[in-house]
């Protein structure tokens, strides 16, 4: 009887130890799970530094893409038309095409002081398509044909304002090295845009279909291959065009074209874009008047 009682007590004591061990195991498991959940939902200070007040973006998160510009994107833009920036030769065939260095520099200063900022025609086109923003007062500097002074005089003056230009290059000027390949590459490196102005500068309204095709397609191919740039726009030689020529320019793959018509460039006239011609005698006052009159 005594032996049975002792065995009974030992059995009860053993059962109590087992239950206590089980309870401790459950308690440890619960505490472990709780710690894991807290760490997963809160993280440590080391892993996730606090963000600035009011910020909901983690410091290392990828920045969101820039907001697309809003608005109708139909605002007209002035495109200035230049040829030679430099001294007028004594026997120049068309003296009005020359704008002196000092006059050009004064025009740039006046435009900068009045809030203008030069952009490329490609940038204007992206704005019209709703793909980019423009400065408050954008303006385009276009230079026709391809003269050495466009590199030696106009380009450095524009660079001083961190402004690009648009070079409407007649390919023959490149062949004859009025402008050289390295010069054009330097202009492109400074942000200039390169556009086509035909091979030989003919009146396109007077040439046949084969010549028209060659004057439109060939120079674009050569410029793109040589300089590795898109060449999106075309400039009509002498401003001459008609419906047939416009259709051919469009068919050649250009995005638009500039003329010599006076006025502001508008997206509704993308293949007959108006420009503002800057003449030999134009200083800041005359340029301001032309900008005010342009519609």
C-alpha atoms as a PDB file:
ATOM      1  CA  UNK A   1       0.000   0.000   0.000  1.00  0.00           C
ATOM      2  CA  UNK A   2       2.840   2.415   0.859  1.00  0.00           C
ATOM      3  CA  UNK A   3       4.640   1.512  -2.329  1.00  0.00           C
ATOM      4  CA  UNK A   4       1.497   2.174  -4.365  1.00  0.00           C
ATOM      5  CA  UNK A   5       1.033   5.621  -2.730  1.00  0.00           C
ATOM      6  CA  UNK A   6       4.633   6.633  -3.459  1.00  0.00           C
ATOM      7  CA  UNK A   7       4.278   5.558  -7.087  1.00  0.00           C
ATOM      8  CA  UNK A   8       1.072   7.538  -7.364  1.00  0.00           C
ATOM      9  CA  UNK A   9       2.778  10.672  -6.012  1.00  0.00           C
ATOM     10  CA  UNK A  10       5.728  10.227  -8.386  1.00  0.00           C
ATOM     11  CA  UNK A  11       3.348   9.823 -11.316  1.00  0.00           C
ATOM     12  CA  UNK A  12       1.459  13.004 -10.426  1.00  0.00           C
ATOM     13  CA  UNK A  13       4.711  14.942 -10.013  1.00  0.00           C
ATOM     14  CA  UNK A  14       5.909  13.684 -13.428  1.00  0.00           C
ATOM     15  CA  UNK A  15       2.643  14.684 -15.103  1.00  0.00           C
ATOM     16  CA  UNK A  16       2.883  18.211 -13.622  1.00  0.00           C
ATOM     17  CA  UNK A  17       6.438  18.618 -14.993  1.00  0.00           C
ATOM     18  CA  UNK A  18       5.280  17.566 -18.459  1.00  0.00           C
ATOM     19  CA  UNK A  19       2.407  20.058 -18.419  1.00  0.00           C
ATOM     20  CA  UNK A  20       4.706  22.872 -17.243  1.00  0.00           C
ATOM     21  CA  UNK A  21       7.172  22.127 -20.017  1.00  0.00           C
ATOM     22  CA  UNK A  22       4.393  22.142 -22.605  1.00  0.00           C
ATOM     23  CA  UNK A  23       3.060  25.466 -21.336  1.00  0.00           C
ATOM     24  CA  UNK A  24       6.549  27.002 -21.528  1.00  0.00           C
ATOM     25  CA  UNK A  25       6.991  25.747 -25.088  1.00  0.00           C
ATOM     26  CA  UNK A  26       3.684  27.269 -26.155  1.00  0.00           C
ATOM     27  CA  UNK A  27       4.546  30.570 -24.441  1.00  0.00           C
ATOM     28  CA  UNK A  28       7.943  30.730 -26.178  1.00  0.00           C
ATOM     29  CA  UNK A  29       6.324  29.992 -29.529  1.00  0.00           C
ATOM     30  CA  UNK A  30       3.734  32.761 -29.045  1.00  0.00           C
ATOM     31  CA  UNK A  31       6.426  35.281 -28.083  1.00  0.00           C
ATOM     32  CA  UNK A  32       8.532  34.301 -31.109  1.00  0.00           C
ATOM     33  CA  UNK A  33       5.639  34.706 -33.523  1.00  0.00           C
ATOM     34  CA  UNK A  34       4.735  38.084 -32.016  1.00  0.00           C
ATOM     35  CA  UNK A  35       8.286  39.351 -32.433  1.00  0.00           C
ATOM     36  CA  UNK A  36       8.370  38.147 -36.046  1.00  0.00           C
ATOM     37  CA  UNK A  37       5.093  39.864 -36.891  1.00  0.00           C
ATOM     38  CA  UNK A  38       6.241  43.132 -35.302  1.00  0.00           C
ATOM     39  CA  UNK A  39       9.540  43.047 -37.198  1.00  0.00           C
ATOM     40  CA  UNK A  40       7.817  42.325 -40.485  1.00  0.00           C
ATOM     41  CA  UNK A  41       5.301  45.125 -40.124  1.00  0.00           C
ATOM     42  CA  UNK A  42       7.524  47.773 -38.523  1.00  0.00           C
ATOM     43  CA  UNK A  43      11.084  46.952 -39.538  1.00  0.00           C
ATOM     44  CA  UNK A  44      14.153  48.192 -37.733  1.00  0.00           C
ATOM     45  CA  UNK A  45      15.508  51.712 -37.642  1.00  0.00           C
ATOM     46  CA  UNK A  46      18.642  50.462 -39.364  1.00  0.00           C
ATOM     47  CA  UNK A  47      16.802  48.888 -42.286  1.00  0.00           C
ATOM     48  CA  UNK A  48      14.367  51.742 -42.938  1.00  0.00           C
ATOM     49  CA  UNK A  49      15.507  55.211 -41.859  1.00  0.00           C
ATOM     50  CA  UNK A  50      12.668  57.586 -41.050  1.00  0.00           C
ATOM     51  CA  UNK A  51      11.554  59.839 -43.890  1.00  0.00           C
ATOM     52  CA  UNK A  52      11.234  63.589 -43.623  1.00  0.00           C
ATOM     53  CA  UNK A  53       8.119  65.074 -42.106  1.00  0.00           C
ATOM     54  CA  UNK A  54       5.114  64.764 -44.334  1.00  0.00           C
ATOM     55  CA  UNK A  55       6.896  62.433 -46.762  1.00  0.00           C
ATOM     56  CA  UNK A  56       5.331  59.154 -47.791  1.00  0.00           C
ATOM     57  CA  UNK A  57       8.075  58.082 -50.226  1.00  0.00           C
ATOM     58  CA  UNK A  58      10.913  55.857 -48.914  1.00  0.00           C
ATOM     59  CA  UNK A  59      14.299  57.583 -49.396  1.00  0.00           C
ATOM     60  CA  UNK A  60      15.598  54.916 -51.766  1.00  0.00           C
ATOM     61  CA  UNK A  61      12.402  54.435 -53.763  1.00  0.00           C
ATOM     62  CA  UNK A  62      12.575  55.026 -57.511  1.00  0.00           C
ATOM     63  CA  UNK A  63      11.551  58.585 -58.350  1.00  0.00           C
ATOM     64  CA  UNK A  64       8.214  58.829 -60.144  1.00  0.00           C
ATOM     65  CA  UNK A  65       8.342  59.806 -63.826  1.00  0.00           C
ATOM     66  CA  UNK A  66       7.958  63.548 -64.501  1.00  0.00           C
ATOM     67  CA  UNK A  67       4.396  64.677 -64.892  1.00  0.00           C
ATOM     68  CA  UNK A  68       3.231  65.027 -68.463  1.00  0.00           C
ATOM     69  CA  UNK A  69       2.713  68.655 -69.438  1.00  0.00           C
ATOM     70  CA  UNK A  70      -0.845  69.845 -69.407  1.00  0.00           C
ATOM     71  CA  UNK A  71      -2.603  72.248 -71.697  1.00  0.00           C
ATOM     72  CA  UNK A  72      -3.614  72.429 -75.332  1.00  0.00           C
ATOM     73  CA  UNK A  73      -0.006  72.528 -76.662  1.00  0.00           C
ATOM     74  CA  UNK A  74      -1.035  74.833 -79.483  1.00  0.00           C
ATOM     75  CA  UNK A  75       0.944  77.937 -78.550  1.00  0.00           C
ATOM     76  CA  UNK A  76       2.734  79.524 -81.548  1.00  0.00           C
ATOM     77  CA  UNK A  77       6.499  79.982 -81.328  1.00  0.00           C
ATOM     78  CA  UNK A  78       8.754  82.533 -83.081  1.00  0.00           C
ATOM     79  CA  UNK A  79      11.452  81.110 -85.362  1.00  0.00           C
ATOM     80  CA  UNK A  80      14.143  83.626 -86.296  1.00  0.00           C
ATOM     81  CA  UNK A  81      15.744  83.230 -89.737  1.00  0.00           C
ATOM     82  CA  UNK A  82      19.421  84.073 -90.264  1.00  0.00           C
ATOM     83  CA  UNK A  83      21.923  83.399 -93.016  1.00  0.00           C
ATOM     84  CA  UNK A  84      25.388  84.875 -92.441  1.00  0.00           C
ATOM     85  CA  UNK A  85      26.422  86.385 -89.106  1.00  0.00           C
ATOM     86  CA  UNK A  86      29.485  88.480 -89.803  1.00  0.00           C
ATOM     87  CA  UNK A  87      30.819  91.368 -91.907  1.00  0.00           C
ATOM     88  CA  UNK A  88      29.217  92.092 -95.269  1.00  0.00           C
ATOM     89  CA  UNK A  89      31.637  91.631 -98.193  1.00  0.00           C
ATOM     90  CA  UNK A  90      31.976  94.687-100.486  1.00  0.00           C
ATOM     91  CA  UNK A  91      30.408  92.876-103.438  1.00  0.00           C
ATOM     92  CA  UNK A  92      27.888  90.715-101.623  1.00  0.00           C
ATOM     93  CA  UNK A  93      25.129  89.572-103.990  1.00  0.00           C
ATOM     94  CA  UNK A  94      22.457  89.941-101.286  1.00  0.00           C
ATOM     95  CA  UNK A  95      23.761  92.288 -98.564  1.00  0.00           C
ATOM     96  CA  UNK A  96      20.554  91.911 -96.565  1.00  0.00           C
ATOM     97  CA  UNK A  97      21.489  88.332 -95.685  1.00  0.00           C
ATOM     98  CA  UNK A  98      24.376  89.523 -93.509  1.00  0.00           C
ATOM     99  CA  UNK A  99      23.933  90.442 -89.839  1.00  0.00           C
ATOM    100  CA  UNK A 100      26.990  91.917 -88.146  1.00  0.00           C
ATOM    101  CA  UNK A 101      28.536  90.276 -85.114  1.00  0.00           C
ATOM    102  CA  UNK A 102      27.846  93.220 -82.805  1.00  0.00           C
ATOM    103  CA  UNK A 103      24.209  93.433 -83.910  1.00  0.00           C
ATOM    104  CA  UNK A 104      23.721  89.723 -83.394  1.00  0.00           C
ATOM    105  CA  UNK A 105      25.272  89.908 -79.920  1.00  0.00           C
ATOM    106  CA  UNK A 106      23.013  92.842 -79.010  1.00  0.00           C
ATOM    107  CA  UNK A 107      19.970  90.890 -80.202  1.00  0.00           C
ATOM    108  CA  UNK A 108      20.925  87.978 -77.954  1.00  0.00           C
ATOM    109  CA  UNK A 109      21.378  90.268 -74.962  1.00  0.00           C
ATOM    110  CA  UNK A 110      18.009  91.935 -75.543  1.00  0.00           C
ATOM    111  CA  UNK A 111      16.217  88.603 -75.895  1.00  0.00           C
ATOM    112  CA  UNK A 112      17.828  87.232 -72.731  1.00  0.00           C
ATOM    113  CA  UNK A 113      16.969  90.388 -70.780  1.00  0.00           C
ATOM    114  CA  UNK A 114      13.335  90.084 -71.873  1.00  0.00           C
ATOM    115  CA  UNK A 115      12.945  86.496 -70.757  1.00  0.00           C
ATOM    116  CA  UNK A 116      13.412  84.638 -74.038  1.00  0.00           C
ATOM    117  CA  UNK A 117      15.103  81.247 -74.063  1.00  0.00           C
ATOM    118  CA  UNK A 118      16.306  79.519 -77.229  1.00  0.00           C
ATOM    119  CA  UNK A 119      15.085  76.001 -78.014  1.00  0.00           C
ATOM    120  CA  UNK A 120      15.327  73.689 -81.008  1.00  0.00           C
ATOM    121  CA  UNK A 121      12.549  73.012 -83.483  1.00  0.00           C
ATOM    122  CA  UNK A 122      12.529  69.402 -82.291  1.00  0.00           C
ATOM    123  CA  UNK A 123      11.747  70.676 -78.780  1.00  0.00           C
ATOM    124  CA  UNK A 124       8.899  72.803 -80.128  1.00  0.00           C
ATOM    125  CA  UNK A 125       7.520  69.805 -81.995  1.00  0.00           C
ATOM    126  CA  UNK A 126       7.629  67.672 -78.835  1.00  0.00           C
ATOM    127  CA  UNK A 127       5.731  70.413 -77.026  1.00  0.00           C
ATOM    128  CA  UNK A 128       3.096  70.575 -79.768  1.00  0.00           C
ATOM    129  CA  UNK A 129       2.722  66.804 -79.494  1.00  0.00           C
ATOM    130  CA  UNK A 130       2.205  67.080 -75.731  1.00  0.00           C
ATOM    131  CA  UNK A 131       5.474  65.322 -74.893  1.00  0.00           C
ATOM    132  CA  UNK A 132       7.556  68.139 -73.414  1.00  0.00           C
ATOM    133  CA  UNK A 133       7.440  71.516 -71.747  1.00  0.00           C
ATOM    134  CA  UNK A 134       8.832  74.759 -73.117  1.00  0.00           C
ATOM    135  CA  UNK A 135      10.259  77.815 -71.372  1.00  0.00           C
ATOM    136  CA  UNK A 136       7.850  80.667 -70.763  1.00  0.00           C
ATOM    137  CA  UNK A 137       9.124  82.600 -73.803  1.00  0.00           C
ATOM    138  CA  UNK A 138      10.675  80.127 -76.253  1.00  0.00           C
ATOM    139  CA  UNK A 139      12.388  81.202 -79.446  1.00  0.00           C
ATOM    140  CA  UNK A 140      14.162  79.282 -82.231  1.00  0.00           C
ATOM    141  CA  UNK A 141      17.330  80.505 -83.983  1.00  0.00           C
ATOM    142  CA  UNK A 142      17.457  78.991 -87.478  1.00  0.00           C
ATOM    143  CA  UNK A 143      20.432  79.413 -89.821  1.00  0.00           C
ATOM    144  CA  UNK A 144      20.053  78.576 -93.510  1.00  0.00           C
ATOM    145  CA  UNK A 145      22.473  77.104 -96.059  1.00  0.00           C
ATOM    146  CA  UNK A 146      25.593  76.436 -93.978  1.00  0.00           C
ATOM    147  CA  UNK A 147      28.211  79.211 -93.784  1.00  0.00           C
ATOM    148  CA  UNK A 148      31.493  79.113 -91.902  1.00  0.00           C
ATOM    149  CA  UNK A 149      30.489  82.184 -89.889  1.00  0.00           C
ATOM    150  CA  UNK A 150      27.611  80.222 -88.418  1.00  0.00           C
ATOM    151  CA  UNK A 151      30.272  78.160 -86.663  1.00  0.00           C
ATOM    152  CA  UNK A 152      32.952  80.789 -86.026  1.00  0.00           C
ATOM    153  CA  UNK A 153      30.682  83.662 -84.917  1.00  0.00           C
ATOM    154  CA  UNK A 154      27.054  82.681 -84.304  1.00  0.00           C
ATOM    155  CA  UNK A 155      27.728  79.418 -82.474  1.00  0.00           C
ATOM    156  CA  UNK A 156      30.107  80.856 -79.828  1.00  0.00           C
ATOM    157  CA  UNK A 157      27.769  83.790 -79.143  1.00  0.00           C
ATOM    158  CA  UNK A 158      24.806  81.462 -78.668  1.00  0.00           C
ATOM    159  CA  UNK A 159      26.938  79.153 -76.539  1.00  0.00           C
ATOM    160  CA  UNK A 160      27.652  82.086 -74.249  1.00  0.00           C
ATOM    161  CA  UNK A 161      23.945  82.086 -73.385  1.00  0.00           C
ATOM    162  CA  UNK A 162      23.790  78.254 -73.295  1.00  0.00           C
ATOM    163  CA  UNK A 163      21.426  78.436 -76.266  1.00  0.00           C
ATOM    164  CA  UNK A 164      21.191  76.056 -79.235  1.00  0.00           C
ATOM    165  CA  UNK A 165      20.566  76.865 -82.874  1.00  0.00           C
ATOM    166  CA  UNK A 166      19.021  75.041 -85.814  1.00  0.00           C
ATOM    167  CA  UNK A 167      21.262  74.476 -88.850  1.00  0.00           C
ATOM    168  CA  UNK A 168      19.331  74.112 -92.113  1.00  0.00           C
ATOM    169  CA  UNK A 169      22.202  72.634 -94.071  1.00  0.00           C
ATOM    170  CA  UNK A 170      22.407  72.553 -97.856  1.00  0.00           C
ATOM    171  CA  UNK A 171      24.550  69.485 -98.458  1.00  0.00           C
ATOM    172  CA  UNK A 172      26.598  71.193-101.191  1.00  0.00           C
ATOM    173  CA  UNK A 173      27.963  73.611 -98.566  1.00  0.00           C
ATOM    174  CA  UNK A 174      29.312  70.606 -96.685  1.00  0.00           C
ATOM    175  CA  UNK A 175      30.843  69.183 -99.865  1.00  0.00           C
ATOM    176  CA  UNK A 176      32.540  72.510-100.640  1.00  0.00           C
ATOM    177  CA  UNK A 177      33.584  72.809 -96.978  1.00  0.00           C
ATOM    178  CA  UNK A 178      31.924  76.133 -96.323  1.00  0.00           C
ATOM    179  CA  UNK A 179      31.199  74.182 -93.161  1.00  0.00           C
ATOM    180  CA  UNK A 180      33.263  71.082 -92.396  1.00  0.00           C
ATOM    181  CA  UNK A 181      32.198  67.846 -90.758  1.00  0.00           C
ATOM    182  CA  UNK A 182      34.101  68.579 -87.510  1.00  0.00           C
ATOM    183  CA  UNK A 183      32.457  72.010 -87.316  1.00  0.00           C
ATOM    184  CA  UNK A 184      29.000  70.504 -87.647  1.00  0.00           C
ATOM    185  CA  UNK A 185      29.818  67.865 -85.025  1.00  0.00           C
ATOM    186  CA  UNK A 186      30.925  70.563 -82.587  1.00  0.00           C
ATOM    187  CA  UNK A 187      27.662  72.433 -83.148  1.00  0.00           C
ATOM    188  CA  UNK A 188      25.692  69.245 -82.552  1.00  0.00           C
ATOM    189  CA  UNK A 189      27.687  68.594 -79.374  1.00  0.00           C
ATOM    190  CA  UNK A 190      26.624  72.045 -78.162  1.00  0.00           C
ATOM    191  CA  UNK A 191      22.971  71.135 -78.593  1.00  0.00           C
ATOM    192  CA  UNK A 192      22.280  72.341 -82.117  1.00  0.00           C
ATOM    193  CA  UNK A 193      19.715  70.659 -84.325  1.00  0.00           C
ATOM    194  CA  UNK A 194      20.563  69.579 -87.869  1.00  0.00           C
ATOM    195  CA  UNK A 195      17.896  69.811 -90.594  1.00  0.00           C
ATOM    196  CA  UNK A 196      17.894  69.429 -94.379  1.00  0.00           C
ATOM    197  CA  UNK A 197      17.946  72.243 -96.951  1.00  0.00           C
ATOM    198  CA  UNK A 198      18.252  70.050-100.108  1.00  0.00           C
ATOM    199  CA  UNK A 199      21.379  68.989-101.979  1.00  0.00           C
ATOM    200  CA  UNK A 200      21.857  72.004-104.276  1.00  0.00           C
ATOM    201  CA  UNK A 201      19.253  74.649-103.274  1.00  0.00           C
ATOM    202  CA  UNK A 202      16.969  74.616-106.362  1.00  0.00           C
ATOM    203  CA  UNK A 203      13.498  76.085-106.670  1.00  0.00           C
ATOM    204  CA  UNK A 204      11.644  72.856-105.947  1.00  0.00           C
ATOM    205  CA  UNK A 205       8.477  74.058-107.664  1.00  0.00           C
ATOM    206  CA  UNK A 206      10.304  73.918-111.024  1.00  0.00           C
ATOM    207  CA  UNK A 207      11.990  70.499-110.884  1.00  0.00           C
ATOM    208  CA  UNK A 208      10.677  67.149-112.087  1.00  0.00           C
ATOM    209  CA  UNK A 209       9.645  64.223-109.926  1.00  0.00           C
ATOM    210  CA  UNK A 210      13.032  62.467-110.003  1.00  0.00           C
ATOM    211  CA  UNK A 211      14.977  65.619-109.100  1.00  0.00           C
ATOM    212  CA  UNK A 212      12.463  66.498-106.388  1.00  0.00           C
ATOM    213  CA  UNK A 213      12.859  63.064-104.828  1.00  0.00           C
ATOM    214  CA  UNK A 214      16.658  63.324-104.953  1.00  0.00           C
ATOM    215  CA  UNK A 215      16.743  66.825-103.435  1.00  0.00           C
ATOM    216  CA  UNK A 216      14.511  65.734-100.557  1.00  0.00           C
ATOM    217  CA  UNK A 217      15.541  62.173 -99.775  1.00  0.00           C
ATOM    218  CA  UNK A 218      19.261  62.043-100.579  1.00  0.00           C
ATOM    219  CA  UNK A 219      20.511  64.860 -98.296  1.00  0.00           C
ATOM    220  CA  UNK A 220      18.533  63.519 -95.359  1.00  0.00           C
ATOM    221  CA  UNK A 221      20.048  60.079 -95.839  1.00  0.00           C
ATOM    222  CA  UNK A 222      23.566  61.501 -96.105  1.00  0.00           C
ATOM    223  CA  UNK A 223      23.220  63.761 -93.067  1.00  0.00           C
ATOM    224  CA  UNK A 224      21.776  61.016 -90.909  1.00  0.00           C
ATOM    225  CA  UNK A 225      24.482  58.572 -91.941  1.00  0.00           C
ATOM    226  CA  UNK A 226      27.333  61.029 -91.514  1.00  0.00           C
ATOM    227  CA  UNK A 227      26.321  62.643 -88.218  1.00  0.00           C
ATOM    228  CA  UNK A 228      24.057  60.051 -86.608  1.00  0.00           C
ATOM    229  CA  UNK A 229      21.175  62.441 -85.927  1.00  0.00           C
ATOM    230  CA  UNK A 230      17.507  62.175 -86.961  1.00  0.00           C
ATOM    231  CA  UNK A 231      17.092  65.207 -89.336  1.00  0.00           C
ATOM    232  CA  UNK A 232      13.367  65.590 -88.702  1.00  0.00           C
ATOM    233  CA  UNK A 233      12.707  68.913 -90.457  1.00  0.00           C
ATOM    234  CA  UNK A 234      13.149  70.442 -93.896  1.00  0.00           C
ATOM    235  CA  UNK A 235      13.674  74.026 -95.058  1.00  0.00           C
ATOM    236  CA  UNK A 236      12.340  75.104 -98.476  1.00  0.00           C
ATOM    237  CA  UNK A 237      15.064  76.751-100.623  1.00  0.00           C
ATOM    238  CA  UNK A 238      14.185  80.411-101.202  1.00  0.00           C
ATOM    239  CA  UNK A 239      10.927  79.673 -99.409  1.00  0.00           C
ATOM    240  CA  UNK A 240       9.447  78.230-102.612  1.00  0.00           C
ATOM    241  CA  UNK A 241       6.824  75.495-102.294  1.00  0.00           C
ATOM    242  CA  UNK A 242       3.477  74.405-103.701  1.00  0.00           C
ATOM    243  CA  UNK A 243       1.057  71.565-102.850  1.00  0.00           C
ATOM    244  CA  UNK A 244       3.090  69.057-104.882  1.00  0.00           C
ATOM    245  CA  UNK A 245       6.300  69.957-103.060  1.00  0.00           C
ATOM    246  CA  UNK A 246       4.595  69.827 -99.657  1.00  0.00           C
ATOM    247  CA  UNK A 247       3.251  66.355-100.435  1.00  0.00           C
ATOM    248  CA  UNK A 248       6.728  65.226-101.486  1.00  0.00           C
ATOM    249  CA  UNK A 249       8.292  66.590 -98.282  1.00  0.00           C
ATOM    250  CA  UNK A 250       5.726  64.736 -96.216  1.00  0.00           C
ATOM    251  CA  UNK A 251       6.250  61.532 -98.234  1.00  0.00           C
ATOM    252  CA  UNK A 252      10.029  61.794 -97.733  1.00  0.00           C
ATOM    253  CA  UNK A 253       9.510  61.249 -94.005  1.00  0.00           C
ATOM    254  CA  UNK A 254      10.048  64.743 -92.641  1.00  0.00           C
ATOM    255  CA  UNK A 255       8.004  65.835 -89.633  1.00  0.00           C
ATOM    256  CA  UNK A 256       7.579  69.403 -90.869  1.00  0.00           C
ATOM    257  CA  UNK A 257       9.148  72.226 -92.873  1.00  0.00           C
ATOM    258  CA  UNK A 258      10.016  75.906 -92.542  1.00  0.00           C
ATOM    259  CA  UNK A 259       9.324  78.671 -95.054  1.00  0.00           C
ATOM    260  CA  UNK A 260      10.241  82.341 -95.485  1.00  0.00           C
ATOM    261  CA  UNK A 261       6.672  83.504 -94.783  1.00  0.00           C
ATOM    262  CA  UNK A 262       6.548  86.112 -92.017  1.00  0.00           C
ATOM    263  CA  UNK A 263       4.830  85.146 -88.814  1.00  0.00           C
ATOM    264  CA  UNK A 264       4.827  82.796 -85.862  1.00  0.00           C
ATOM    265  CA  UNK A 265       5.171  79.051 -86.305  1.00  0.00           C
ATOM    266  CA  UNK A 266       1.991  77.118 -85.560  1.00  0.00           C
ATOM    267  CA  UNK A 267       1.374  73.365 -85.283  1.00  0.00           C
ATOM    268  CA  UNK A 268      -1.592  73.654 -87.645  1.00  0.00           C
ATOM    269  CA  UNK A 269       0.923  74.684 -90.353  1.00  0.00           C
ATOM    270  CA  UNK A 270       3.591  72.114 -89.551  1.00  0.00           C
ATOM    271  CA  UNK A 271       4.716  71.743 -93.211  1.00  0.00           C
ATOM    272  CA  UNK A 272       4.585  75.494 -93.922  1.00  0.00           C
ATOM    273  CA  UNK A 273       6.004  76.971 -90.726  1.00  0.00           C
ATOM    274  CA  UNK A 274       6.403  80.745 -90.783  1.00  0.00           C
ATOM    275  CA  UNK A 275       9.580  82.479 -89.619  1.00  0.00           C
ATOM    276  CA  UNK A 276      10.810  85.966 -88.788  1.00  0.00           C
ATOM    277  CA  UNK A 277      13.627  87.075 -91.049  1.00  0.00           C
ATOM    278  CA  UNK A 278      16.381  89.065 -89.340  1.00  0.00           C
ATOM    279  CA  UNK A 279      17.929  91.566 -91.751  1.00  0.00           C
ATOM    280  CA  UNK A 280      21.232  93.384 -91.934  1.00  0.00           C
ATOM    281  CA  UNK A 281      20.017  96.578 -90.282  1.00  0.00           C
ATOM    282  CA  UNK A 282      18.069  94.944 -87.459  1.00  0.00           C
ATOM    283  CA  UNK A 283      19.119  95.821 -83.959  1.00  0.00           C
ATOM    284  CA  UNK A 284      17.231  94.994 -80.754  1.00  0.00           C
ATOM    285  CA  UNK A 285      14.579  97.647 -81.452  1.00  0.00           C
ATOM    286  CA  UNK A 286      13.820  96.358 -84.947  1.00  0.00           C
ATOM    287  CA  UNK A 287      13.783  92.755 -83.738  1.00  0.00           C
ATOM    288  CA  UNK A 288      11.386  93.659 -80.929  1.00  0.00           C
ATOM    289  CA  UNK A 289       9.078  95.328 -83.442  1.00  0.00           C
ATOM    290  CA  UNK A 290       9.078  92.259 -85.698  1.00  0.00           C
ATOM    291  CA  UNK A 291       8.305  89.982 -82.766  1.00  0.00           C
ATOM    292  CA  UNK A 292       5.408  92.236 -81.778  1.00  0.00           C
ATOM    293  CA  UNK A 293       4.017  92.284 -85.337  1.00  0.00           C
ATOM    294  CA  UNK A 294       4.311  88.539 -85.906  1.00  0.00           C
ATOM    295  CA  UNK A 295       0.993  86.717 -85.677  1.00  0.00           C
END
